[in-house]
């Protein structure tokens, strides 16, 4: 039976956190400015994203990349039709 090699999850997570910290700029790490042109009634998705940006900025980066990929795929599909 072959020897199983364990996935280095802790090392990958540590490296990902280090990479995010290294690539972040001072404005990205600082507290976001208050939203002046807030819609009435308030936008629940925007509020949740602002809170998530404060608590877990790495999750917001992941969501940004997912949305960008989905939009790129939609635009690619529309161009092909």
Protein backbone atom coordinates (compact mmCIF):
# COMPACT_ATOMS: atom_id res chain seq x y z
CA UNK A 1 0.00 0.00 0.00
CA UNK A 2 1.45 3.41 -0.95
CA UNK A 3 2.43 5.84 1.75
CA UNK A 4 -0.02 8.71 2.09
CA UNK A 5 1.42 12.19 2.06
CA UNK A 6 -0.54 14.58 4.25
CA UNK A 7 -1.62 17.88 2.76
CA UNK A 8 0.27 20.70 4.52
CA UNK A 9 -2.86 22.71 5.38
CA UNK A 10 -1.27 24.72 8.20
CA UNK A 11 1.72 25.68 6.06
CA UNK A 12 -0.52 26.66 3.11
CA UNK A 13 -2.75 28.76 5.38
CA UNK A 14 0.26 30.48 6.96
CA UNK A 15 1.78 31.19 3.55
CA UNK A 16 -1.53 32.56 2.22
CA UNK A 17 -1.85 34.91 5.21
CA UNK A 18 1.76 36.05 4.77
CA UNK A 19 1.19 36.62 1.05
CA UNK A 20 -1.95 38.68 1.69
CA UNK A 21 -0.16 40.77 4.32
CA UNK A 22 2.82 41.30 2.03
CA UNK A 23 0.73 42.39 -0.93
CA UNK A 24 -1.59 44.66 1.05
CA UNK A 25 -1.05 48.38 1.05
CA UNK A 26 -1.52 50.76 3.96
CA UNK A 27 -4.87 52.07 2.69
CA UNK A 28 -6.23 48.55 2.33
CA UNK A 29 -5.26 47.62 5.89
CA UNK A 30 -6.60 50.80 7.48
CA UNK A 31 -10.19 51.22 8.63
CA UNK A 32 -12.45 52.07 5.68
CA UNK A 33 -13.89 55.56 5.44
CA UNK A 34 -17.58 55.94 6.29
CA UNK A 35 -19.95 55.54 3.41
CA UNK A 36 -21.33 59.04 2.78
CA UNK A 37 -23.78 58.36 -0.06
CA UNK A 38 -25.55 55.55 1.78
CA UNK A 39 -28.84 54.57 0.07
CA UNK A 40 -32.10 54.69 2.01
CA UNK A 41 -33.11 52.06 2.89
CA UNK A 42 -29.62 50.83 3.59
CA UNK A 43 -28.14 48.14 1.37
CA UNK A 44 -27.85 44.95 3.47
CA UNK A 45 -25.29 43.34 1.13
CA UNK A 46 -23.06 46.40 1.20
CA UNK A 47 -23.28 46.56 4.98
CA UNK A 48 -22.37 42.90 5.29
CA UNK A 49 -19.42 43.33 2.93
CA UNK A 50 -18.14 46.33 4.89
CA UNK A 51 -18.34 44.33 8.12
CA UNK A 52 -16.63 41.36 6.49
CA UNK A 53 -13.87 43.68 5.20
CA UNK A 54 -13.17 44.72 8.77
CA UNK A 55 -13.26 41.22 10.24
CA UNK A 56 -11.75 39.10 7.44
CA UNK A 57 -10.21 41.10 4.58
CA UNK A 58 -8.87 37.90 3.05
CA UNK A 59 -12.44 36.62 2.55
CA UNK A 60 -13.34 39.84 0.72
CA UNK A 61 -10.34 39.35 -1.56
CA UNK A 62 -11.56 35.84 -2.33
CA UNK A 63 -15.08 37.11 -3.07
CA UNK A 64 -13.69 39.85 -5.33
CA UNK A 65 -11.81 37.26 -7.35
CA UNK A 66 -14.85 34.99 -7.64
CA UNK A 67 -17.08 37.87 -8.81
CA UNK A 68 -14.45 38.97 -11.33
CA UNK A 69 -14.20 35.44 -12.73
CA UNK A 70 -17.99 35.10 -12.99
CA UNK A 71 -18.33 38.47 -14.75
CA UNK A 72 -15.54 37.55 -17.14
CA UNK A 73 -17.28 34.26 -17.94
CA UNK A 74 -20.63 36.01 -18.51
CA UNK A 75 -19.02 38.57 -20.82
CA UNK A 76 -17.22 35.79 -22.67
CA UNK A 77 -20.52 33.88 -23.12
CA UNK A 78 -22.33 37.01 -24.34
CA UNK A 79 -19.60 37.70 -26.90
CA UNK A 80 -19.81 34.15 -28.21
CA UNK A 81 -23.58 34.19 -28.72
